[in-house]
Amino acid sequence: MLIDHDRHLDTYLDQDAAQRIGGLWTLAPLHRVRWSTCRCGGTVAPPHGLPEDGTRQLDLVLLHHSLQFAPSRWKEVRGRLGPGRPQTVTLSGPGHTDEAVIDHEARHYRENRDLFHQHLHAETLFMTGSAKVFRDTARHFFDVARNGPGYVPVHPSYSRFCTELHSNDGILGDAREIHIEYCDQWDA
């Protein structure tokens, strides 16, 4: 579930969803549109209950910046999409991003072009970025998939495993922060 809070975004994922989104995040740089519906149907809600008024559930589209896709065309494109076709891709594994290789300091230079940009259109969040920024941040989703199910709370304020794409990371151009939380039980 992806929820728009106006100033930030919250994502609630179980292990399977975190693994899938991490995989899509890894594939985003392959110059194709990656779309995932993140809205829950019916009365399903995250464990904290649905958030306050003024928030909304969103779908997610991941785009390599070179596609120059106009989000305003999404409703038309989505209407023409068929059922899709299964494709198999082999990924190098959830722990493939080497944190030591990421140049965190370079992210804060003015010349840094490896940034995420976001657009909201037709109840859909468009995350646009370079191959490098997608590759470097996919680890957040794989961390949730790997560590969320066995997480033992060490403090009452941190009862669930979570991570985030944070503004201090130097990866969010005109994008809002995204809180990513493991959630294996949903309210009905």
N, C-alpha and C. Protein backbone atom coordinates (compact mmCIF):
# COMPACT_ATOMS: atom_id res chain seq x y z
N MET A 1 0.85 -1.17 0.00
CA MET A 1 0.00 0.00 0.00
C MET A 1 0.90 1.23 0.00
N LEU A 2 0.62 2.15 -0.90
CA LEU A 2 1.34 3.41 -1.01
C LEU A 2 0.36 4.53 -0.69
N ILE A 3 0.69 5.33 0.33
CA ILE A 3 -0.22 6.37 0.80
C ILE A 3 0.43 7.74 0.68
N ASP A 4 -0.30 8.67 0.08
CA ASP A 4 0.13 10.05 -0.09
C ASP A 4 -0.35 10.86 1.11
N HIS A 5 0.60 11.44 1.85
CA HIS A 5 0.28 12.28 3.00
C HIS A 5 0.50 13.76 2.70
N ASP A 6 0.60 14.12 1.45
CA ASP A 6 0.82 15.48 1.00
C ASP A 6 2.27 15.93 1.18
N ARG A 7 2.84 15.77 2.36
CA ARG A 7 4.24 16.17 2.57
C ARG A 7 5.22 15.01 2.47
N HIS A 8 4.73 13.79 2.67
CA HIS A 8 5.57 12.60 2.56
C HIS A 8 4.71 11.44 2.09
N LEU A 9 5.37 10.32 1.81
CA LEU A 9 4.68 9.12 1.33
C LEU A 9 4.99 7.97 2.28
N ASP A 10 4.00 7.13 2.54
CA ASP A 10 4.19 5.93 3.35
C ASP A 10 3.92 4.71 2.50
N THR A 11 4.79 3.71 2.61
CA THR A 11 4.62 2.45 1.91
C THR A 11 4.60 1.34 2.94
N TYR A 12 3.56 0.50 2.91
CA TYR A 12 3.44 -0.64 3.80
C TYR A 12 3.55 -1.90 2.95
N LEU A 13 4.55 -2.74 3.25
CA LEU A 13 4.81 -3.90 2.43
C LEU A 13 5.00 -5.16 3.26
N ASP A 14 4.43 -6.27 2.81
CA ASP A 14 4.79 -7.55 3.40
C ASP A 14 6.05 -8.04 2.70
N GLN A 15 6.54 -9.21 3.07
CA GLN A 15 7.80 -9.70 2.52
C GLN A 15 7.75 -9.87 1.00
N ASP A 16 6.68 -10.46 0.50
CA ASP A 16 6.55 -10.70 -0.93
C ASP A 16 6.48 -9.38 -1.70
N ALA A 17 5.69 -8.44 -1.21
CA ALA A 17 5.56 -7.15 -1.89
C ALA A 17 6.87 -6.38 -1.87
N ALA A 18 7.60 -6.41 -0.76
CA ALA A 18 8.89 -5.72 -0.67
C ALA A 18 9.87 -6.32 -1.67
N GLN A 19 9.87 -7.63 -1.81
CA GLN A 19 10.75 -8.30 -2.76
C GLN A 19 10.37 -7.91 -4.20
N ARG A 20 9.07 -7.88 -4.48
CA ARG A 20 8.62 -7.51 -5.84
C ARG A 20 8.94 -6.06 -6.18
N ILE A 21 8.67 -5.16 -5.25
CA ILE A 21 8.96 -3.75 -5.52
C ILE A 21 10.47 -3.55 -5.65
N GLY A 22 11.25 -4.22 -4.83
CA GLY A 22 12.72 -4.16 -4.97
C GLY A 22 13.15 -4.63 -6.35
N GLY A 23 12.52 -5.71 -6.83
CA GLY A 23 12.83 -6.21 -8.17
C GLY A 23 12.44 -5.22 -9.25
N LEU A 24 11.24 -4.64 -9.12
CA LEU A 24 10.82 -3.62 -10.09
C LEU A 24 11.74 -2.41 -10.04
N TRP A 25 12.15 -2.04 -8.84
CA TRP A 25 13.06 -0.90 -8.66
C TRP A 25 14.37 -1.18 -9.39
N THR A 26 14.83 -2.43 -9.32
CA THR A 26 16.07 -2.83 -9.99
C THR A 26 15.90 -2.81 -11.51
N LEU A 27 14.71 -3.19 -11.98
CA LEU A 27 14.45 -3.25 -13.42
C LEU A 27 14.09 -1.90 -14.04
N ALA A 28 13.74 -0.92 -13.23
CA ALA A 28 13.31 0.38 -13.75
C ALA A 28 14.30 1.00 -14.74
N PRO A 29 15.59 0.85 -14.54
CA PRO A 29 16.54 1.48 -15.49
C PRO A 29 16.57 0.83 -16.87
N LEU A 30 15.82 -0.22 -17.10
CA LEU A 30 15.87 -0.91 -18.39
C LEU A 30 15.01 -0.23 -19.44
N HIS A 31 14.72 1.04 -19.26
CA HIS A 31 14.05 1.87 -20.26
C HIS A 31 12.67 1.37 -20.66
N ARG A 32 11.93 0.89 -19.70
CA ARG A 32 10.54 0.51 -19.90
C ARG A 32 9.75 1.09 -18.74
N VAL A 33 8.46 1.22 -18.93
CA VAL A 33 7.59 1.70 -17.86
C VAL A 33 7.26 0.52 -16.96
N ARG A 34 7.50 0.65 -15.65
CA ARG A 34 7.18 -0.38 -14.66
C ARG A 34 6.02 0.14 -13.83
N TRP A 35 4.91 -0.58 -13.86
CA TRP A 35 3.71 -0.12 -13.16
C TRP A 35 3.31 -1.17 -12.14
N SER A 36 2.95 -0.74 -10.97
CA SER A 36 2.46 -1.64 -9.93
C SER A 36 1.28 -0.99 -9.24
N THR A 37 0.20 -1.76 -9.13
CA THR A 37 -0.92 -1.26 -8.36
C THR A 37 -0.61 -1.50 -6.89
N CYS A 38 -0.74 -0.49 -6.08
CA CYS A 38 -0.39 -0.57 -4.67
C CYS A 38 -1.60 -0.34 -3.78
N ARG A 39 -2.74 -0.18 -4.38
CA ARG A 39 -3.94 0.09 -3.59
C ARG A 39 -4.58 -1.21 -3.14
N CYS A 40 -5.02 -1.24 -1.91
CA CYS A 40 -5.72 -2.41 -1.38
C CYS A 40 -7.21 -2.23 -1.62
N GLY A 41 -7.85 -3.27 -2.01
CA GLY A 41 -9.29 -3.20 -2.24
C GLY A 41 -10.06 -3.48 -0.96
N GLY A 42 -11.33 -3.24 -1.00
CA GLY A 42 -12.20 -3.57 0.12
C GLY A 42 -11.89 -2.77 1.36
N THR A 43 -11.91 -3.45 2.50
CA THR A 43 -11.73 -2.78 3.78
C THR A 43 -10.37 -3.05 4.39
N VAL A 44 -9.43 -3.56 3.61
CA VAL A 44 -8.11 -3.85 4.15
C VAL A 44 -7.37 -2.55 4.43
N ALA A 45 -6.73 -2.49 5.59
CA ALA A 45 -5.99 -1.30 5.99
C ALA A 45 -4.70 -1.71 6.67
N PRO A 46 -3.70 -0.82 6.70
CA PRO A 46 -2.47 -1.14 7.42
C PRO A 46 -2.75 -1.31 8.90
N PRO A 47 -1.83 -1.87 9.66
CA PRO A 47 -2.08 -2.17 11.07
C PRO A 47 -2.41 -0.95 11.91
N HIS A 48 -1.99 0.23 11.49
CA HIS A 48 -2.29 1.45 12.25
C HIS A 48 -3.66 1.98 11.89
N GLY A 49 -4.38 1.32 10.99
CA GLY A 49 -5.64 1.82 10.47
C GLY A 49 -5.35 2.78 9.34
N LEU A 50 -6.38 3.11 8.60
CA LEU A 50 -6.17 4.06 7.50
C LEU A 50 -5.83 5.43 8.08
N PRO A 51 -4.97 6.16 7.41
CA PRO A 51 -4.53 7.45 7.92
C PRO A 51 -5.63 8.50 7.87
N GLU A 52 -5.27 9.66 8.37
CA GLU A 52 -6.20 10.77 8.50
C GLU A 52 -6.78 11.20 7.16
N ASP A 53 -7.84 11.98 7.24
CA ASP A 53 -8.44 12.53 6.03
C ASP A 53 -7.40 13.35 5.27
N GLY A 54 -7.63 13.46 3.96
CA GLY A 54 -6.71 14.23 3.14
C GLY A 54 -5.58 13.39 2.57
N THR A 55 -5.57 12.11 2.90
CA THR A 55 -4.57 11.22 2.32
C THR A 55 -5.26 10.33 1.30
N ARG A 56 -4.46 9.72 0.43
CA ARG A 56 -5.04 8.84 -0.58
C ARG A 56 -4.05 7.74 -0.93
N GLN A 57 -4.61 6.62 -1.37
CA GLN A 57 -3.79 5.51 -1.83
C GLN A 57 -3.43 5.72 -3.29
N LEU A 58 -2.21 5.33 -3.64
CA LEU A 58 -1.70 5.56 -4.99
C LEU A 58 -1.18 4.27 -5.62
N ASP A 59 -1.15 4.26 -6.94
CA ASP A 59 -0.40 3.27 -7.70
C ASP A 59 1.00 3.84 -7.90
N LEU A 60 1.90 3.01 -8.43
CA LEU A 60 3.29 3.41 -8.59
C LEU A 60 3.77 3.11 -10.00
N VAL A 61 4.42 4.08 -10.62
CA VAL A 61 5.07 3.90 -11.92
C VAL A 61 6.53 4.31 -11.76
N LEU A 62 7.44 3.43 -12.19
CA LEU A 62 8.87 3.69 -12.14
C LEU A 62 9.38 3.94 -13.55
N LEU A 63 10.12 5.03 -13.72
CA LEU A 63 10.56 5.43 -15.06
C LEU A 63 12.02 5.83 -15.06
N HIS A 64 12.75 5.36 -16.07
CA HIS A 64 14.10 5.87 -16.30
C HIS A 64 13.92 7.27 -16.90
N HIS A 65 14.72 8.22 -16.48
CA HIS A 65 14.53 9.61 -16.91
C HIS A 65 14.67 9.80 -18.42
N SER A 66 15.39 8.93 -19.10
CA SER A 66 15.58 9.10 -20.55
C SER A 66 14.31 8.84 -21.34
N LEU A 67 13.30 8.20 -20.72
CA LEU A 67 12.04 7.94 -21.44
C LEU A 67 11.25 9.23 -21.68
N GLN A 68 11.46 10.22 -20.86
CA GLN A 68 10.77 11.50 -20.97
C GLN A 68 9.25 11.31 -21.10
N PHE A 69 8.72 10.40 -20.30
CA PHE A 69 7.29 10.11 -20.33
C PHE A 69 6.53 11.23 -19.63
N ALA A 70 5.44 11.66 -20.23
CA ALA A 70 4.60 12.72 -19.65
C ALA A 70 3.51 12.08 -18.79
N PRO A 71 3.57 12.24 -17.46
CA PRO A 71 2.55 11.66 -16.59
C PRO A 71 1.12 12.06 -16.98
N SER A 72 0.95 13.21 -17.61
CA SER A 72 -0.39 13.63 -18.03
C SER A 72 -1.00 12.67 -19.06
N ARG A 73 -0.18 11.86 -19.70
CA ARG A 73 -0.67 10.89 -20.68
C ARG A 73 -1.01 9.54 -20.03
N TRP A 74 -0.78 9.39 -18.72
CA TRP A 74 -0.91 8.10 -18.07
C TRP A 74 -2.33 7.53 -18.16
N LYS A 75 -3.32 8.32 -17.94
CA LYS A 75 -4.70 7.81 -17.97
C LYS A 75 -5.00 7.18 -19.33
N GLU A 76 -4.58 7.84 -20.39
CA GLU A 76 -4.78 7.32 -21.75
C GLU A 76 -3.99 6.03 -21.96
N VAL A 77 -2.73 6.02 -21.56
CA VAL A 77 -1.88 4.83 -21.73
C VAL A 77 -2.41 3.69 -20.90
N ARG A 78 -2.75 3.92 -19.65
CA ARG A 78 -3.26 2.88 -18.76
C ARG A 78 -4.56 2.28 -19.32
N GLY A 79 -5.39 3.11 -19.94
CA GLY A 79 -6.64 2.63 -20.54
C GLY A 79 -6.41 1.69 -21.71
N ARG A 80 -5.26 1.83 -22.36
CA ARG A 80 -4.95 0.96 -23.51
C ARG A 80 -4.16 -0.28 -23.12
N LEU A 81 -3.72 -0.36 -21.88
CA LEU A 81 -2.94 -1.51 -21.45
C LEU A 81 -3.80 -2.76 -21.44
N GLY A 82 -3.28 -3.82 -21.95
CA GLY A 82 -3.96 -5.11 -21.90
C GLY A 82 -3.56 -5.84 -20.63
N PRO A 83 -3.78 -7.16 -20.61
CA PRO A 83 -3.46 -7.93 -19.42
C PRO A 83 -1.96 -8.10 -19.20
N GLY A 84 -1.16 -7.71 -20.17
CA GLY A 84 0.29 -7.87 -20.03
C GLY A 84 0.71 -9.28 -20.39
N ARG A 85 1.99 -9.51 -20.36
CA ARG A 85 2.49 -10.86 -20.63
C ARG A 85 3.59 -11.17 -19.64
N PRO A 86 3.60 -12.39 -19.15
CA PRO A 86 4.64 -12.76 -18.17
C PRO A 86 6.03 -12.70 -18.79
N GLN A 87 6.96 -12.19 -18.03
CA GLN A 87 8.36 -12.17 -18.43
C GLN A 87 9.18 -12.64 -17.25
N THR A 88 10.24 -13.37 -17.53
CA THR A 88 11.12 -13.85 -16.48
C THR A 88 12.44 -13.10 -16.56
N VAL A 89 12.88 -12.63 -15.42
CA VAL A 89 14.15 -11.92 -15.33
C VAL A 89 14.91 -12.47 -14.14
N THR A 90 16.19 -12.68 -14.30
CA THR A 90 17.02 -13.15 -13.19
C THR A 90 17.77 -11.95 -12.62
N LEU A 91 17.56 -11.73 -11.33
CA LEU A 91 18.26 -10.65 -10.64
C LEU A 91 19.42 -11.24 -9.86
N SER A 92 20.38 -10.41 -9.55
CA SER A 92 21.57 -10.90 -8.86
C SER A 92 21.35 -11.17 -7.39
N GLY A 93 20.18 -10.93 -6.87
CA GLY A 93 19.88 -11.23 -5.47
C GLY A 93 19.63 -9.98 -4.67
N PRO A 94 18.93 -10.12 -3.54
CA PRO A 94 18.54 -8.96 -2.76
C PRO A 94 19.67 -8.19 -2.13
N GLY A 95 20.81 -8.78 -1.94
CA GLY A 95 21.89 -8.06 -1.28
C GLY A 95 22.94 -7.57 -2.25
N HIS A 96 22.57 -7.35 -3.51
CA HIS A 96 23.55 -7.06 -4.54
C HIS A 96 24.10 -5.64 -4.53
N THR A 97 23.47 -4.69 -3.88
CA THR A 97 23.98 -3.32 -3.85
C THR A 97 25.02 -3.23 -2.74
N ASP A 98 26.22 -2.90 -3.11
CA ASP A 98 27.31 -2.78 -2.15
C ASP A 98 27.32 -1.36 -1.61
N GLU A 99 26.96 -1.21 -0.36
CA GLU A 99 26.88 0.10 0.28
C GLU A 99 28.22 0.83 0.22
N ALA A 100 29.33 0.08 0.25
CA ALA A 100 30.65 0.70 0.22
C ALA A 100 30.93 1.37 -1.13
N VAL A 101 30.28 0.92 -2.20
CA VAL A 101 30.52 1.45 -3.53
C VAL A 101 29.75 2.76 -3.75
N ILE A 102 28.71 2.99 -2.99
CA ILE A 102 27.89 4.20 -3.15
C ILE A 102 28.67 5.40 -2.61
N ASP A 103 28.84 6.41 -3.44
CA ASP A 103 29.55 7.63 -3.05
C ASP A 103 28.54 8.60 -2.45
N HIS A 104 28.31 8.47 -1.14
CA HIS A 104 27.31 9.30 -0.47
C HIS A 104 27.67 10.78 -0.50
N GLU A 105 28.95 11.08 -0.42
CA GLU A 105 29.37 12.47 -0.41
C GLU A 105 29.08 13.15 -1.75
N ALA A 106 29.29 12.44 -2.85
CA ALA A 106 29.06 13.01 -4.18
C ALA A 106 27.59 13.33 -4.41
N ARG A 107 26.70 12.67 -3.70
CA ARG A 107 25.27 12.93 -3.86
C ARG A 107 24.89 14.36 -3.49
N HIS A 108 25.69 15.00 -2.67
CA HIS A 108 25.35 16.34 -2.18
C HIS A 108 25.99 17.45 -3.00
N TYR A 109 26.69 17.11 -4.08
CA TYR A 109 27.24 18.12 -4.97
C TYR A 109 26.16 18.66 -5.88
N ARG A 110 26.27 19.91 -6.23
CA ARG A 110 25.31 20.56 -7.11
C ARG A 110 25.22 19.85 -8.46
N GLU A 111 26.32 19.27 -8.91
CA GLU A 111 26.38 18.61 -10.21
C GLU A 111 25.71 17.23 -10.21
N ASN A 112 25.29 16.76 -9.06
CA ASN A 112 24.67 15.43 -8.97
C ASN A 112 23.40 15.38 -9.81
N ARG A 113 23.36 14.47 -10.77
CA ARG A 113 22.19 14.29 -11.64
C ARG A 113 21.43 13.00 -11.29
N ASP A 114 21.95 12.23 -10.34
CA ASP A 114 21.31 10.96 -9.96
C ASP A 114 20.31 11.21 -8.85
N LEU A 115 19.21 11.82 -9.24
CA LEU A 115 18.16 12.21 -8.30
C LEU A 115 16.82 11.63 -8.73
N PHE A 116 15.95 11.46 -7.75
CA PHE A 116 14.57 11.08 -8.04
C PHE A 116 13.73 12.33 -8.22
N HIS A 117 12.78 12.24 -9.13
CA HIS A 117 11.77 13.27 -9.31
C HIS A 117 10.42 12.56 -9.24
N GLN A 118 9.44 13.23 -8.69
CA GLN A 118 8.12 12.64 -8.54
C GLN A 118 7.07 13.52 -9.20
N HIS A 119 6.07 12.85 -9.73
CA HIS A 119 4.89 13.52 -10.26
C HIS A 119 3.68 12.70 -9.83
N LEU A 120 2.61 13.39 -9.49
CA LEU A 120 1.34 12.72 -9.17
C LEU A 120 0.35 13.04 -10.26
N HIS A 121 -0.24 11.97 -10.80
CA HIS A 121 -1.27 12.15 -11.82
C HIS A 121 -2.15 10.92 -11.86
N ALA A 122 -3.45 11.12 -11.91
CA ALA A 122 -4.43 10.03 -12.02
C ALA A 122 -4.23 8.99 -10.92
N GLU A 123 -4.12 9.44 -9.67
CA GLU A 123 -3.96 8.56 -8.51
C GLU A 123 -2.74 7.65 -8.64
N THR A 124 -1.68 8.16 -9.28
CA THR A 124 -0.47 7.39 -9.52
C THR A 124 0.75 8.25 -9.20
N LEU A 125 1.71 7.66 -8.48
CA LEU A 125 2.98 8.31 -8.21
C LEU A 125 3.97 7.86 -9.27
N PHE A 126 4.58 8.81 -9.94
CA PHE A 126 5.61 8.55 -10.94
C PHE A 126 6.96 8.86 -10.31
N MET A 127 7.80 7.83 -10.18
CA MET A 127 9.16 7.99 -9.69
C MET A 127 10.08 7.93 -10.91
N THR A 128 10.76 9.02 -11.19
CA THR A 128 11.64 9.10 -12.34
C THR A 128 13.06 9.32 -11.84
N GLY A 129 14.00 8.56 -12.41
CA GLY A 129 15.38 8.72 -11.98
C GLY A 129 16.35 8.03 -12.92
N SER A 130 17.61 8.11 -12.56
CA SER A 130 18.68 7.49 -13.34
C SER A 130 18.83 6.03 -12.93
N ALA A 131 19.53 5.26 -13.75
CA ALA A 131 19.81 3.86 -13.43
C ALA A 131 20.54 3.77 -12.09
N LYS A 132 21.47 4.68 -11.87
CA LYS A 132 22.27 4.65 -10.64
C LYS A 132 21.42 4.87 -9.40
N VAL A 133 20.52 5.83 -9.41
CA VAL A 133 19.73 6.11 -8.22
C VAL A 133 18.73 4.98 -7.94
N PHE A 134 18.17 4.37 -8.99
CA PHE A 134 17.30 3.21 -8.77
C PHE A 134 18.11 2.05 -8.19
N ARG A 135 19.26 1.78 -8.79
CA ARG A 135 20.11 0.66 -8.35
C ARG A 135 20.57 0.86 -6.90
N ASP A 136 20.98 2.08 -6.57
CA ASP A 136 21.49 2.35 -5.22
C ASP A 136 20.42 2.30 -4.14
N THR A 137 19.17 2.50 -4.51
CA THR A 137 18.11 2.57 -3.49
C THR A 137 17.22 1.32 -3.44
N ALA A 138 17.36 0.40 -4.38
CA ALA A 138 16.57 -0.84 -4.35
C ALA A 138 16.81 -1.60 -3.05
N ARG A 139 17.98 -1.43 -2.48
CA ARG A 139 18.34 -2.13 -1.24
C ARG A 139 17.36 -1.87 -0.10
N HIS A 140 16.73 -0.70 -0.10
CA HIS A 140 15.76 -0.40 0.96
C HIS A 140 14.62 -1.41 0.96
N PHE A 141 14.13 -1.77 -0.20
CA PHE A 141 13.03 -2.71 -0.30
C PHE A 141 13.49 -4.13 0.02
N PHE A 142 14.70 -4.48 -0.45
CA PHE A 142 15.24 -5.81 -0.15
C PHE A 142 15.54 -5.95 1.35
N ASP A 143 15.97 -4.86 1.99
CA ASP A 143 16.19 -4.88 3.45
C ASP A 143 14.89 -5.17 4.19
N VAL A 144 13.80 -4.55 3.73
CA VAL A 144 12.50 -4.77 4.36
C VAL A 144 12.07 -6.24 4.17
N ALA A 145 12.27 -6.77 2.96
CA ALA A 145 11.91 -8.17 2.69
C ALA A 145 12.75 -9.13 3.53
N ARG A 146 14.01 -8.84 3.68
CA ARG A 146 14.93 -9.74 4.39
C ARG A 146 14.81 -9.61 5.91
N ASN A 147 14.70 -8.38 6.42
CA ASN A 147 14.76 -8.16 7.86
C ASN A 147 13.42 -7.94 8.54
N GLY A 148 12.40 -7.57 7.77
CA GLY A 148 11.09 -7.29 8.36
C GLY A 148 10.45 -8.48 9.06
N PRO A 149 10.40 -9.67 8.42
CA PRO A 149 9.69 -10.79 9.04
C PRO A 149 10.26 -11.23 10.39
N GLY A 150 11.56 -11.17 10.59
CA GLY A 150 12.14 -11.63 11.84
C GLY A 150 12.50 -10.52 12.80
N TYR A 151 12.02 -9.31 12.53
CA TYR A 151 12.40 -8.15 13.33
C TYR A 151 11.88 -8.27 14.76
N VAL A 152 12.77 -8.06 15.71
CA VAL A 152 12.41 -8.06 17.12
C VAL A 152 12.54 -6.62 17.61
N PRO A 153 11.43 -6.00 18.01
CA PRO A 153 11.48 -4.60 18.45
C PRO A 153 12.43 -4.42 19.62
N VAL A 154 13.26 -3.39 19.54
CA VAL A 154 14.19 -3.08 20.62
C VAL A 154 13.72 -1.87 21.43
N HIS A 155 12.69 -1.21 20.92
CA HIS A 155 12.16 -0.03 21.59
C HIS A 155 10.69 0.10 21.22
N PRO A 156 9.83 0.48 22.17
CA PRO A 156 8.39 0.59 21.86
C PRO A 156 8.07 1.54 20.72
N SER A 157 8.90 2.55 20.50
CA SER A 157 8.65 3.50 19.42
C SER A 157 8.96 2.91 18.05
N TYR A 158 9.71 1.81 18.01
CA TYR A 158 10.10 1.17 16.76
C TYR A 158 9.58 -0.25 16.74
N SER A 159 8.26 -0.39 16.69
CA SER A 159 7.66 -1.72 16.80
C SER A 159 7.72 -2.51 15.50
N ARG A 160 8.00 -1.86 14.37
CA ARG A 160 8.07 -2.54 13.08
C ARG A 160 9.37 -2.16 12.37
N PHE A 161 9.83 -3.04 11.52
CA PHE A 161 11.03 -2.75 10.74
C PHE A 161 10.69 -1.72 9.67
N CYS A 162 11.50 -0.69 9.54
CA CYS A 162 11.25 0.32 8.52
C CYS A 162 12.56 0.96 8.06
N THR A 163 12.47 1.63 6.95
CA THR A 163 13.58 2.38 6.38
C THR A 163 12.95 3.52 5.58
N GLU A 164 13.76 4.40 5.01
CA GLU A 164 13.16 5.45 4.20
C GLU A 164 14.15 6.03 3.19
N LEU A 165 13.56 6.56 2.14
CA LEU A 165 14.30 7.38 1.19
C LEU A 165 14.18 8.79 1.74
N HIS A 166 15.27 9.29 2.27
CA HIS A 166 15.27 10.51 3.07
C HIS A 166 15.92 11.66 2.31
N SER A 167 15.46 12.88 2.58
CA SER A 167 16.01 14.06 1.90
C SER A 167 17.49 14.26 2.20
N ASN A 168 17.95 13.83 3.35
CA ASN A 168 19.37 13.97 3.69
C ASN A 168 20.27 13.03 2.90
N ASP A 169 19.67 12.05 2.21
CA ASP A 169 20.45 11.08 1.44
C ASP A 169 20.99 11.66 0.14
N GLY A 170 20.53 12.82 -0.28
CA GLY A 170 21.02 13.44 -1.50
C GLY A 170 20.51 12.77 -2.77
N ILE A 171 19.35 12.12 -2.68
CA ILE A 171 18.79 11.41 -3.85
C ILE A 171 17.44 11.95 -4.27
N LEU A 172 16.86 12.83 -3.49
CA LEU A 172 15.53 13.34 -3.78
C LEU A 172 15.63 14.74 -4.38
N GLY A 173 15.47 14.82 -5.69
CA GLY A 173 15.48 16.12 -6.36
C GLY A 173 14.24 16.88 -5.94
N ASP A 174 13.19 16.81 -6.75
CA ASP A 174 11.92 17.42 -6.37
C ASP A 174 10.97 16.31 -5.92
N ALA A 175 11.49 15.43 -5.09
CA ALA A 175 10.71 14.28 -4.61
C ALA A 175 10.55 14.36 -3.09
N ARG A 176 9.44 13.82 -2.63
CA ARG A 176 9.17 13.78 -1.20
C ARG A 176 9.77 12.52 -0.58
N GLU A 177 9.97 12.56 0.71
CA GLU A 177 10.50 11.39 1.42
C GLU A 177 9.49 10.25 1.36
N ILE A 178 10.03 9.03 1.33
CA ILE A 178 9.20 7.83 1.31
C ILE A 178 9.58 6.96 2.49
N HIS A 179 8.64 6.75 3.38
CA HIS A 179 8.80 5.86 4.52
C HIS A 179 8.37 4.47 4.08
N ILE A 180 9.22 3.46 4.26
CA ILE A 180 8.95 2.09 3.82
C ILE A 180 8.89 1.22 5.06
N GLU A 181 7.73 0.63 5.33
CA GLU A 181 7.53 -0.13 6.57
C GLU A 181 7.07 -1.54 6.28
N TYR A 182 7.69 -2.49 6.98
CA TYR A 182 7.27 -3.88 6.88
C TYR A 182 5.93 -4.05 7.61
N CYS A 183 5.04 -4.77 6.99
CA CYS A 183 3.71 -4.98 7.55
C CYS A 183 3.22 -6.35 7.13
N ASP A 184 3.16 -7.30 8.07
CA ASP A 184 2.69 -8.64 7.68
C ASP A 184 1.26 -8.91 8.12
N GLN A 185 0.70 -8.06 8.93
CA GLN A 185 -0.67 -8.25 9.36
C GLN A 185 -1.45 -6.98 9.05
N TRP A 186 -2.61 -7.18 8.44
CA TRP A 186 -3.43 -6.06 8.02
C TRP A 186 -4.75 -6.11 8.76
N ASP A 187 -5.28 -4.94 9.06
CA ASP A 187 -6.61 -4.86 9.67
C ASP A 187 -7.66 -5.12 8.60
N ALA A 188 -8.73 -5.75 8.98
CA ALA A 188 -9.81 -6.00 8.02
C ALA A 188 -11.03 -5.19 8.38
